[in-house]
Amino acid sequence: MQDIKNENQNQINIEISDEVGEGIYSNLAVITHSPTEFIIDFIKMMPGVPKAKVKSRIILTPQHAKRLYKALKENVAKYEQIHGEIKDTGNEMPYNLGLPIAQA
């Protein structure tokens, strides 16, 4: 198990298990929402396989979803300053399976 420490004045010790720390690969995210929550399903699609599985689901309050949006926007900008612009391929699915276009 690893400890991740926030070096700000209000230090928080966050533990992450080895299993969670390995992460889960996703090449598609579908975002839905209600008045009280945002739901992000992370999906792994494989070429030539017409069925995909949700690998992880994250449920957020609208306020936390907005904080996540701002943090992602800031981190993408930092990444692009170092590595160059990330090429956006548009709304194309990673594989052409005739499925509806994803939200993210």
PDB file of N, CA and C in Angstrom:
ATOM      1  N   MET A   1       0.830  -1.169   0.000  1.00  0.00           N
ATOM      2  CA  MET A   1       0.000   0.000   0.000  1.00  0.00           C
ATOM      3  C   MET A   1       0.882   1.242   0.000  1.00  0.00           C
ATOM      4  N   GLN A   2       0.530   2.230  -0.838  1.00  0.00           N
ATOM      5  CA  GLN A   2       1.302   3.458  -0.948  1.00  0.00           C
ATOM      6  C   GLN A   2       0.591   4.576  -0.202  1.00  0.00           C
ATOM      7  N   ASP A   3       1.355   5.531   0.311  1.00  0.00           N
ATOM      8  CA  ASP A   3       0.803   6.755   0.887  1.00  0.00           C
ATOM      9  C   ASP A   3       1.071   7.889  -0.090  1.00  0.00           C
ATOM     10  N   ILE A   4       0.054   8.675  -0.369  1.00  0.00           N
ATOM     11  CA  ILE A   4       0.201   9.864  -1.194  1.00  0.00           C
ATOM     12  C   ILE A   4      -0.025  11.041  -0.263  1.00  0.00           C
ATOM     13  N   LYS A   5       0.928  11.971  -0.228  1.00  0.00           N
ATOM     14  CA  LYS A   5       0.825  13.091   0.695  1.00  0.00           C
ATOM     15  C   LYS A   5       0.658  14.400  -0.064  1.00  0.00           C
ATOM     16  N   ASN A   6      -0.274  15.194   0.387  1.00  0.00           N
ATOM     17  CA  ASN A   6      -0.482  16.529  -0.142  1.00  0.00           C
ATOM     18  C   ASN A   6       0.412  17.458   0.662  1.00  0.00           C
ATOM     19  N   GLU A   7       1.294  18.199   0.017  1.00  0.00           N
ATOM     20  CA  GLU A   7       2.281  19.022   0.717  1.00  0.00           C
ATOM     21  C   GLU A   7       1.743  20.400   1.085  1.00  0.00           C
ATOM     22  N   ASN A   8       0.437  20.637   0.967  1.00  0.00           N
ATOM     23  CA  ASN A   8      -0.142  21.916   1.352  1.00  0.00           C
ATOM     24  C   ASN A   8      -0.167  22.035   2.869  1.00  0.00           C
ATOM     25  N   GLN A   9      -0.588  23.199   3.365  1.00  0.00           N
ATOM     26  CA  GLN A   9      -0.666  23.427   4.804  1.00  0.00           C
ATOM     27  C   GLN A   9      -1.565  22.396   5.471  1.00  0.00           C
ATOM     28  N   ASN A  10      -2.677  22.098   4.874  1.00  0.00           N
ATOM     29  CA  ASN A  10      -3.590  21.089   5.413  1.00  0.00           C
ATOM     30  C   ASN A  10      -3.231  19.746   4.806  1.00  0.00           C
ATOM     31  N   GLN A  11      -2.317  19.046   5.441  1.00  0.00           N
ATOM     32  CA  GLN A  11      -1.821  17.787   4.896  1.00  0.00           C
ATOM     33  C   GLN A  11      -2.859  16.689   5.080  1.00  0.00           C
ATOM     34  N   ILE A  12      -3.063  15.930   4.012  1.00  0.00           N
ATOM     35  CA  ILE A  12      -3.979  14.794   4.040  1.00  0.00           C
ATOM     36  C   ILE A  12      -3.187  13.562   3.621  1.00  0.00           C
ATOM     37  N   ASN A  13      -3.258  12.524   4.410  1.00  0.00           N
ATOM     38  CA  ASN A  13      -2.636  11.250   4.037  1.00  0.00           C
ATOM     39  C   ASN A  13      -3.691  10.407   3.335  1.00  0.00           C
ATOM     40  N   ILE A  14      -3.411  10.071   2.089  1.00  0.00           N
ATOM     41  CA  ILE A  14      -4.337   9.273   1.293  1.00  0.00           C
ATOM     42  C   ILE A  14      -3.667   7.941   1.013  1.00  0.00           C
ATOM     43  N   GLU A  15      -4.348   6.869   1.342  1.00  0.00           N
ATOM     44  CA  GLU A  15      -3.809   5.536   1.082  1.00  0.00           C
ATOM     45  C   GLU A  15      -4.416   4.985  -0.200  1.00  0.00           C
ATOM     46  N   ILE A  16      -3.601   4.241  -0.931  1.00  0.00           N
ATOM     47  CA  ILE A  16      -4.074   3.576  -2.145  1.00  0.00           C
ATOM     48  C   ILE A  16      -3.528   2.157  -2.127  1.00  0.00           C
ATOM     49  N   SER A  17      -4.413   1.203  -2.322  1.00  0.00           N
ATOM     50  CA  SER A  17      -3.975  -0.192  -2.329  1.00  0.00           C
ATOM     51  C   SER A  17      -3.178  -0.461  -3.600  1.00  0.00           C
ATOM     52  N   ASP A  18      -2.376  -1.510  -3.575  1.00  0.00           N
ATOM     53  CA  ASP A  18      -1.598  -1.879  -4.762  1.00  0.00           C
ATOM     54  C   ASP A  18      -2.520  -2.165  -5.944  1.00  0.00           C
ATOM     55  N   GLU A  19      -3.640  -2.819  -5.685  1.00  0.00           N
ATOM     56  CA  GLU A  19      -4.581  -3.163  -6.758  1.00  0.00           C
ATOM     57  C   GLU A  19      -5.155  -1.913  -7.415  1.00  0.00           C
ATOM     58  N   VAL A  20      -5.598  -0.966  -6.615  1.00  0.00           N
ATOM     59  CA  VAL A  20      -6.148   0.270  -7.167  1.00  0.00           C
ATOM     60  C   VAL A  20      -5.039   1.089  -7.821  1.00  0.00           C
ATOM     61  N   GLY A  21      -3.845   1.076  -7.246  1.00  0.00           N
ATOM     62  CA  GLY A  21      -2.716   1.822  -7.783  1.00  0.00           C
ATOM     63  C   GLY A  21      -2.299   1.376  -9.169  1.00  0.00           C
ATOM     64  N   GLU A  22      -2.577   0.133  -9.524  1.00  0.00           N
ATOM     65  CA  GLU A  22      -2.264  -0.368 -10.867  1.00  0.00           C
ATOM     66  C   GLU A  22      -3.124   0.306 -11.930  1.00  0.00           C
ATOM     67  N   GLY A  23      -4.299   0.786 -11.552  1.00  0.00           N
ATOM     68  CA  GLY A  23      -5.187   1.467 -12.488  1.00  0.00           C
ATOM     69  C   GLY A  23      -5.935   0.507 -13.393  1.00  0.00           C
ATOM     70  N   ILE A  24      -6.866   1.050 -14.126  1.00  0.00           N
ATOM     71  CA  ILE A  24      -7.666   0.295 -15.089  1.00  0.00           C
ATOM     72  C   ILE A  24      -7.635   1.059 -16.401  1.00  0.00           C
ATOM     73  N   TYR A  25      -7.310   0.389 -17.487  1.00  0.00           N
ATOM     74  CA  TYR A  25      -7.257   1.032 -18.802  1.00  0.00           C
ATOM     75  C   TYR A  25      -8.669   1.300 -19.305  1.00  0.00           C
ATOM     76  N   SER A  26      -8.860   2.489 -19.868  1.00  0.00           N
ATOM     77  CA  SER A  26     -10.131   2.861 -20.470  1.00  0.00           C
ATOM     78  C   SER A  26      -9.847   3.672 -21.730  1.00  0.00           C
ATOM     79  N   ASN A  27     -10.583   3.375 -22.804  1.00  0.00           N
ATOM     80  CA  ASN A  27     -10.433   4.162 -24.021  1.00  0.00           C
ATOM     81  C   ASN A  27     -11.759   4.811 -24.441  1.00  0.00           C
ATOM     82  N   LEU A  28     -12.701   4.832 -23.506  1.00  0.00           N
ATOM     83  CA  LEU A  28     -13.985   5.479 -23.755  1.00  0.00           C
ATOM     84  C   LEU A  28     -14.602   5.840 -22.405  1.00  0.00           C
ATOM     85  N   ALA A  29     -15.166   7.027 -22.312  1.00  0.00           N
ATOM     86  CA  ALA A  29     -15.907   7.428 -21.127  1.00  0.00           C
ATOM     87  C   ALA A  29     -17.272   7.930 -21.549  1.00  0.00           C
ATOM     88  N   VAL A  30     -18.297   7.504 -20.837  1.00  0.00           N
ATOM     89  CA  VAL A  30     -19.663   7.954 -21.091  1.00  0.00           C
ATOM     90  C   VAL A  30     -20.117   8.692 -19.840  1.00  0.00           C
ATOM     91  N   ILE A  31     -20.579   9.919 -20.027  1.00  0.00           N
ATOM     92  CA  ILE A  31     -20.970  10.756 -18.905  1.00  0.00           C
ATOM     93  C   ILE A  31     -22.469  11.024 -18.964  1.00  0.00           C
ATOM     94  N   THR A  32     -23.146  10.768 -17.854  1.00  0.00           N
ATOM     95  CA  THR A  32     -24.564  11.088 -17.717  1.00  0.00           C
ATOM     96  C   THR A  32     -24.729  11.880 -16.427  1.00  0.00           C
ATOM     97  N   HIS A  33     -25.879  12.513 -16.279  1.00  0.00           N
ATOM     98  CA  HIS A  33     -26.097  13.283 -15.053  1.00  0.00           C
ATOM     99  C   HIS A  33     -27.574  13.390 -14.721  1.00  0.00           C
ATOM    100  N   SER A  34     -27.811  13.657 -13.457  1.00  0.00           N
ATOM    101  CA  SER A  34     -29.137  13.960 -12.942  1.00  0.00           C
ATOM    102  C   SER A  34     -29.020  15.298 -12.224  1.00  0.00           C
ATOM    103  N   PRO A  35     -30.086  15.809 -11.649  1.00  0.00           N
ATOM    104  CA  PRO A  35     -29.950  17.065 -10.906  1.00  0.00           C
ATOM    105  C   PRO A  35     -28.998  16.984  -9.712  1.00  0.00           C
ATOM    106  N   THR A  36     -28.740  15.778  -9.219  1.00  0.00           N
ATOM    107  CA  THR A  36     -27.941  15.653  -7.998  1.00  0.00           C
ATOM    108  C   THR A  36     -26.598  14.963  -8.169  1.00  0.00           C
ATOM    109  N   GLU A  37     -26.323  14.378  -9.343  1.00  0.00           N
ATOM    110  CA  GLU A  37     -25.054  13.677  -9.496  1.00  0.00           C
ATOM    111  C   GLU A  37     -24.639  13.541 -10.955  1.00  0.00           C
ATOM    112  N   PHE A  38     -23.328  13.417 -11.144  1.00  0.00           N
ATOM    113  CA  PHE A  38     -22.735  13.093 -12.434  1.00  0.00           C
ATOM    114  C   PHE A  38     -22.212  11.666 -12.336  1.00  0.00           C
ATOM    115  N   ILE A  39     -22.409  10.895 -13.385  1.00  0.00           N
ATOM    116  CA  ILE A  39     -21.929   9.514 -13.420  1.00  0.00           C
ATOM    117  C   ILE A  39     -21.000   9.381 -14.619  1.00  0.00           C
ATOM    118  N   ILE A  40     -19.777   8.926 -14.346  1.00  0.00           N
ATOM    119  CA  ILE A  40     -18.802   8.708 -15.415  1.00  0.00           C
ATOM    120  C   ILE A  40     -18.501   7.223 -15.469  1.00  0.00           C
ATOM    121  N   ASP A  41     -18.839   6.594 -16.581  1.00  0.00           N
ATOM    122  CA  ASP A  41     -18.514   5.190 -16.811  1.00  0.00           C
ATOM    123  C   ASP A  41     -17.276   5.125 -17.685  1.00  0.00           C
ATOM    124  N   PHE A  42     -16.239   4.457 -17.195  1.00  0.00           N
ATOM    125  CA  PHE A  42     -15.010   4.243 -17.944  1.00  0.00           C
ATOM    126  C   PHE A  42     -15.088   2.852 -18.565  1.00  0.00           C
ATOM    127  N   ILE A  43     -14.925   2.806 -19.889  1.00  0.00           N
ATOM    128  CA  ILE A  43     -15.170   1.596 -20.670  1.00  0.00           C
ATOM    129  C   ILE A  43     -13.917   1.209 -21.432  1.00  0.00           C
ATOM    130  N   LYS A  44     -13.708  -0.089 -21.573  1.00  0.00           N
ATOM    131  CA  LYS A  44     -12.606  -0.615 -22.382  1.00  0.00           C
ATOM    132  C   LYS A  44     -13.218  -1.308 -23.595  1.00  0.00           C
ATOM    133  N   MET A  45     -12.903  -0.766 -24.777  1.00  0.00           N
ATOM    134  CA  MET A  45     -13.384  -1.363 -26.022  1.00  0.00           C
ATOM    135  C   MET A  45     -12.221  -2.056 -26.718  1.00  0.00           C
ATOM    136  N   MET A  46     -12.503  -3.156 -27.369  1.00  0.00           N
ATOM    137  CA  MET A  46     -11.482  -3.895 -28.104  1.00  0.00           C
ATOM    138  C   MET A  46     -11.866  -3.937 -29.578  1.00  0.00           C
ATOM    139  N   PRO A  47     -10.865  -3.881 -30.474  1.00  0.00           N
ATOM    140  CA  PRO A  47     -11.172  -3.910 -31.917  1.00  0.00           C
ATOM    141  C   PRO A  47     -11.872  -5.202 -32.307  1.00  0.00           C
ATOM    142  N   GLY A  48     -12.908  -5.060 -33.126  1.00  0.00           N
ATOM    143  CA  GLY A  48     -13.607  -6.224 -33.643  1.00  0.00           C
ATOM    144  C   GLY A  48     -14.544  -6.888 -32.653  1.00  0.00           C
ATOM    145  N   VAL A  49     -14.681  -6.342 -31.460  1.00  0.00           N
ATOM    146  CA  VAL A  49     -15.578  -6.927 -30.457  1.00  0.00           C
ATOM    147  C   VAL A  49     -16.747  -5.960 -30.273  1.00  0.00           C
ATOM    148  N   PRO A  50     -17.954  -6.380 -30.653  1.00  0.00           N
ATOM    149  CA  PRO A  50     -19.096  -5.465 -30.612  1.00  0.00           C
ATOM    150  C   PRO A  50     -19.662  -5.223 -29.216  1.00  0.00           C
ATOM    151  N   LYS A  51     -19.057  -5.817 -28.211  1.00  0.00           N
ATOM    152  CA  LYS A  51     -19.531  -5.651 -26.844  1.00  0.00           C
ATOM    153  C   LYS A  51     -18.392  -5.078 -26.005  1.00  0.00           C
ATOM    154  N   ALA A  52     -18.706  -4.071 -25.198  1.00  0.00           N
ATOM    155  CA  ALA A  52     -17.701  -3.458 -24.342  1.00  0.00           C
ATOM    156  C   ALA A  52     -18.198  -3.483 -22.901  1.00  0.00           C
ATOM    157  N   LYS A  53     -17.261  -3.481 -21.963  1.00  0.00           N
ATOM    158  CA  LYS A  53     -17.623  -3.543 -20.555  1.00  0.00           C
ATOM    159  C   LYS A  53     -17.229  -2.262 -19.842  1.00  0.00           C
ATOM    160  N   VAL A  54     -18.113  -1.829 -18.943  1.00  0.00           N
ATOM    161  CA  VAL A  54     -17.767  -0.736 -18.046  1.00  0.00           C
ATOM    162  C   VAL A  54     -16.758  -1.306 -17.057  1.00  0.00           C
ATOM    163  N   LYS A  55     -15.584  -0.696 -16.987  1.00  0.00           N
ATOM    164  CA  LYS A  55     -14.523  -1.167 -16.101  1.00  0.00           C
ATOM    165  C   LYS A  55     -14.548  -0.462 -14.752  1.00  0.00           C
ATOM    166  N   SER A  56     -15.104   0.769 -14.737  1.00  0.00           N
ATOM    167  CA  SER A  56     -15.180   1.521 -13.497  1.00  0.00           C
ATOM    168  C   SER A  56     -16.265   2.581 -13.638  1.00  0.00           C
ATOM    169  N   ARG A  57     -16.975   2.835 -12.557  1.00  0.00           N
ATOM    170  CA  ARG A  57     -17.999   3.879 -12.535  1.00  0.00           C
ATOM    171  C   ARG A  57     -17.701   4.812 -11.374  1.00  0.00           C
ATOM    172  N   ILE A  58     -17.666   6.110 -11.672  1.00  0.00           N
ATOM    173  CA  ILE A  58     -17.433   7.125 -10.656  1.00  0.00           C
ATOM    174  C   ILE A  58     -18.686   7.991 -10.577  1.00  0.00           C
ATOM    175  N   ILE A  59     -19.193   8.199  -9.372  1.00  0.00           N
ATOM    176  CA  ILE A  59     -20.380   9.022  -9.150  1.00  0.00           C
ATOM    177  C   ILE A  59     -19.945  10.244  -8.350  1.00  0.00           C
ATOM    178  N   LEU A  60     -20.252  11.434  -8.875  1.00  0.00           N
ATOM    179  CA  LEU A  60     -19.806  12.696  -8.286  1.00  0.00           C
ATOM    180  C   LEU A  60     -20.982  13.633  -8.046  1.00  0.00           C
ATOM    181  N   THR A  61     -20.845  14.503  -7.051  1.00  0.00           N
ATOM    182  CA  THR A  61     -21.803  15.597  -6.904  1.00  0.00           C
ATOM    183  C   THR A  61     -21.533  16.605  -8.011  1.00  0.00           C
ATOM    184  N   PRO A  62     -22.507  17.437  -8.370  1.00  0.00           N
ATOM    185  CA  PRO A  62     -22.243  18.461  -9.392  1.00  0.00           C
ATOM    186  C   PRO A  62     -21.070  19.369  -9.017  1.00  0.00           C
ATOM    187  N   GLN A  63     -20.943  19.719  -7.757  1.00  0.00           N
ATOM    188  CA  GLN A  63     -19.844  20.575  -7.325  1.00  0.00           C
ATOM    189  C   GLN A  63     -18.497  19.884  -7.518  1.00  0.00           C
ATOM    190  N   HIS A  64     -18.428  18.613  -7.176  1.00  0.00           N
ATOM    191  CA  HIS A  64     -17.166  17.884  -7.352  1.00  0.00           C
ATOM    192  C   HIS A  64     -16.874  17.673  -8.833  1.00  0.00           C
ATOM    193  N   ALA A  65     -17.906  17.449  -9.644  1.00  0.00           N
ATOM    194  CA  ALA A  65     -17.705  17.302 -11.092  1.00  0.00           C
ATOM    195  C   ALA A  65     -17.098  18.582 -11.673  1.00  0.00           C
ATOM    196  N   LYS A  66     -17.558  19.733 -11.203  1.00  0.00           N
ATOM    197  CA  LYS A  66     -17.005  20.990 -11.701  1.00  0.00           C
ATOM    198  C   LYS A  66     -15.561  21.161 -11.252  1.00  0.00           C
ATOM    199  N   ARG A  67     -15.237  20.780 -10.010  1.00  0.00           N
ATOM    200  CA  ARG A  67     -13.847  20.850  -9.549  1.00  0.00           C
ATOM    201  C   ARG A  67     -12.965  19.910 -10.370  1.00  0.00           C
ATOM    202  N   LEU A  68     -13.472  18.715 -10.699  1.00  0.00           N
ATOM    203  CA  LEU A  68     -12.723  17.772 -11.527  1.00  0.00           C
ATOM    204  C   LEU A  68     -12.503  18.357 -12.921  1.00  0.00           C
ATOM    205  N   TYR A  69     -13.528  18.963 -13.491  1.00  0.00           N
ATOM    206  CA  TYR A  69     -13.420  19.610 -14.797  1.00  0.00           C
ATOM    207  C   TYR A  69     -12.312  20.664 -14.792  1.00  0.00           C
ATOM    208  N   LYS A  70     -12.314  21.520 -13.779  1.00  0.00           N
ATOM    209  CA  LYS A  70     -11.293  22.565 -13.684  1.00  0.00           C
ATOM    210  C   LYS A  70      -9.898  21.967 -13.520  1.00  0.00           C
ATOM    211  N   ALA A  71      -9.773  20.928 -12.708  1.00  0.00           N
ATOM    212  CA  ALA A  71      -8.472  20.295 -12.495  1.00  0.00           C
ATOM    213  C   ALA A  71      -7.974  19.625 -13.776  1.00  0.00           C
ATOM    214  N   LEU A  72      -8.866  18.954 -14.514  1.00  0.00           N
ATOM    215  CA  LEU A  72      -8.472  18.334 -15.785  1.00  0.00           C
ATOM    216  C   LEU A  72      -8.052  19.393 -16.797  1.00  0.00           C
ATOM    217  N   LYS A  73      -8.805  20.481 -16.869  1.00  0.00           N
ATOM    218  CA  LYS A  73      -8.483  21.562 -17.801  1.00  0.00           C
ATOM    219  C   LYS A  73      -7.098  22.133 -17.498  1.00  0.00           C
ATOM    220  N   GLU A  74      -6.823  22.368 -16.223  1.00  0.00           N
ATOM    221  CA  GLU A  74      -5.521  22.896 -15.807  1.00  0.00           C
ATOM    222  C   GLU A  74      -4.393  21.917 -16.122  1.00  0.00           C
ATOM    223  N   ASN A  75      -4.625  20.638 -15.869  1.00  0.00           N
ATOM    224  CA  ASN A  75      -3.580  19.642 -16.109  1.00  0.00           C
ATOM    225  C   ASN A  75      -3.349  19.382 -17.588  1.00  0.00           C
ATOM    226  N   VAL A  76      -4.389  19.442 -18.398  1.00  0.00           N
ATOM    227  CA  VAL A  76      -4.206  19.305 -19.856  1.00  0.00           C
ATOM    228  C   VAL A  76      -3.377  20.482 -20.369  1.00  0.00           C
ATOM    229  N   ALA A  77      -3.656  21.682 -19.875  1.00  0.00           N
ATOM    230  CA  ALA A  77      -2.878  22.858 -20.294  1.00  0.00           C
ATOM    231  C   ALA A  77      -1.407  22.695 -19.910  1.00  0.00           C
ATOM    232  N   LYS A  78      -1.130  22.224 -18.706  1.00  0.00           N
ATOM    233  CA  LYS A  78       0.256  22.005 -18.266  1.00  0.00           C
ATOM    234  C   LYS A  78       0.935  20.945 -19.133  1.00  0.00           C
ATOM    235  N   TYR A  79       0.219  19.860 -19.423  1.00  0.00           N
ATOM    236  CA  TYR A  79       0.752  18.790 -20.268  1.00  0.00           C
ATOM    237  C   TYR A  79       1.125  19.344 -21.634  1.00  0.00           C
ATOM    238  N   GLU A  80       0.210  20.130 -22.239  1.00  0.00           N
ATOM    239  CA  GLU A  80       0.450  20.654 -23.579  1.00  0.00           C
ATOM    240  C   GLU A  80       1.594  21.664 -23.607  1.00  0.00           C
ATOM    241  N   GLN A  81       1.831  22.380 -22.525  1.00  0.00           N
ATOM    242  CA  GLN A  81       2.969  23.291 -22.457  1.00  0.00           C
ATOM    243  C   GLN A  81       4.278  22.523 -22.567  1.00  0.00           C
ATOM    244  N   ILE A  82       4.319  21.343 -21.997  1.00  0.00           N
ATOM    245  CA  ILE A  82       5.535  20.530 -21.993  1.00  0.00           C
ATOM    246  C   ILE A  82       5.650  19.667 -23.252  1.00  0.00           C
ATOM    247  N   HIS A  83       4.551  19.006 -23.638  1.00  0.00           N
ATOM    248  CA  HIS A  83       4.599  17.978 -24.687  1.00  0.00           C
ATOM    249  C   HIS A  83       3.983  18.400 -26.012  1.00  0.00           C
ATOM    250  N   GLY A  84       3.403  19.572 -26.069  1.00  0.00           N
ATOM    251  CA  GLY A  84       2.739  20.006 -27.293  1.00  0.00           C
ATOM    252  C   GLY A  84       1.259  19.677 -27.267  1.00  0.00           C
ATOM    253  N   GLU A  85       0.564  20.241 -28.242  1.00  0.00           N
ATOM    254  CA  GLU A  85      -0.892  20.095 -28.288  1.00  0.00           C
ATOM    255  C   GLU A  85      -1.317  18.643 -28.459  1.00  0.00           C
ATOM    256  N   ILE A  86      -2.319  18.259 -27.701  1.00  0.00           N
ATOM    257  CA  ILE A  86      -2.929  16.935 -27.846  1.00  0.00           C
ATOM    258  C   ILE A  86      -3.879  17.021 -29.038  1.00  0.00           C
ATOM    259  N   LYS A  87      -3.700  16.149 -30.000  1.00  0.00           N
ATOM    260  CA  LYS A  87      -4.547  16.162 -31.198  1.00  0.00           C
ATOM    261  C   LYS A  87      -5.912  15.582 -30.852  1.00  0.00           C
ATOM    262  N   ASP A  88      -6.951  16.359 -31.131  1.00  0.00           N
ATOM    263  CA  ASP A  88      -8.322  15.921 -30.890  1.00  0.00           C
ATOM    264  C   ASP A  88      -8.833  15.249 -32.160  1.00  0.00           C
ATOM    265  N   THR A  89      -9.270  14.010 -32.048  1.00  0.00           N
ATOM    266  CA  THR A  89      -9.760  13.278 -33.212  1.00  0.00           C
ATOM    267  C   THR A  89     -11.250  13.496 -33.431  1.00  0.00           C
ATOM    268  N   GLY A  90     -11.846  14.424 -32.702  1.00  0.00           N
ATOM    269  CA  GLY A  90     -13.274  14.692 -32.855  1.00  0.00           C
ATOM    270  C   GLY A  90     -14.090  13.748 -32.007  1.00  0.00           C
ATOM    271  N   ASN A  91     -15.299  13.509 -32.443  1.00  0.00           N
ATOM    272  CA  ASN A  91     -16.220  12.653 -31.681  1.00  0.00           C
ATOM    273  C   ASN A  91     -16.210  11.213 -32.156  1.00  0.00           C
ATOM    274  N   GLU A  92     -15.124  10.797 -32.781  1.00  0.00           N
ATOM    275  CA  GLU A  92     -15.069   9.435 -33.298  1.00  0.00           C
ATOM    276  C   GLU A  92     -14.884   8.433 -32.169  1.00  0.00           C
ATOM    277  N   MET A  93     -15.530   7.302 -32.312  1.00  0.00           N
ATOM    278  CA  MET A  93     -15.329   6.203 -31.375  1.00  0.00           C
ATOM    279  C   MET A  93     -13.950   5.620 -31.649  1.00  0.00           C
ATOM    280  N   PRO A  94     -13.311   5.019 -30.631  1.00  0.00           N
ATOM    281  CA  PRO A  94     -11.999   4.433 -30.869  1.00  0.00           C
ATOM    282  C   PRO A  94     -12.035   3.321 -31.910  1.00  0.00           C
ATOM    283  N   TYR A  95     -13.159   2.630 -31.999  1.00  0.00           N
ATOM    284  CA  TYR A  95     -13.331   1.566 -32.989  1.00  0.00           C
ATOM    285  C   TYR A  95     -14.708   1.737 -33.598  1.00  0.00           C
ATOM    286  N   ASN A  96     -14.836   1.488 -34.879  1.00  0.00           N
ATOM    287  CA  ASN A  96     -16.115   1.653 -35.547  1.00  0.00           C
ATOM    288  C   ASN A  96     -16.981   0.427 -35.309  1.00  0.00           C
ATOM    289  N   LEU A  97     -17.872   0.532 -34.338  1.00  0.00           N
ATOM    290  CA  LEU A  97     -18.746  -0.597 -34.007  1.00  0.00           C
ATOM    291  C   LEU A  97     -20.211  -0.265 -34.229  1.00  0.00           C
ATOM    292  N   GLY A  98     -20.477   0.913 -34.810  1.00  0.00           N
ATOM    293  CA  GLY A  98     -21.860   1.300 -35.037  1.00  0.00           C
ATOM    294  C   GLY A  98     -22.581   1.686 -33.764  1.00  0.00           C
ATOM    295  N   LEU A  99     -21.858   2.063 -32.730  1.00  0.00           N
ATOM    296  CA  LEU A  99     -22.460   2.439 -31.460  1.00  0.00           C
ATOM    297  C   LEU A  99     -22.686   3.945 -31.437  1.00  0.00           C
ATOM    298  N   PRO A 100     -23.527   4.440 -30.508  1.00  0.00           N
ATOM    299  CA  PRO A 100     -23.727   5.886 -30.431  1.00  0.00           C
ATOM    300  C   PRO A 100     -22.443   6.599 -30.043  1.00  0.00           C
ATOM    301  N   ILE A 101     -22.342   7.873 -30.400  1.00  0.00           N
ATOM    302  CA  ILE A 101     -21.149   8.659 -30.119  1.00  0.00           C
ATOM    303  C   ILE A 101     -21.092   8.945 -28.612  1.00  0.00           C
ATOM    304  N   ALA A 102     -19.925   8.787 -28.035  1.00  0.00           N
ATOM    305  CA  ALA A 102     -19.744   8.984 -26.597  1.00  0.00           C
ATOM    306  C   ALA A 102     -19.764  10.448 -26.236  1.00  0.00           C
ATOM    307  N   GLN A 103     -19.953  10.728 -24.959  1.00  0.00           N
ATOM    308  CA  GLN A 103     -19.992  12.086 -24.458  1.00  0.00           C
ATOM    309  C   GLN A 103     -18.611  12.599 -24.099  1.00  0.00           C
ATOM    310  N   ALA A 104     -17.639  11.728 -23.914  1.00  0.00           N
ATOM    311  CA  ALA A 104     -16.295  12.183 -23.550  1.00  0.00           C
ATOM    312  C   ALA A 104     -15.271  11.210 -24.088  1.00  0.00           C
TER     313      ALA A 104
END
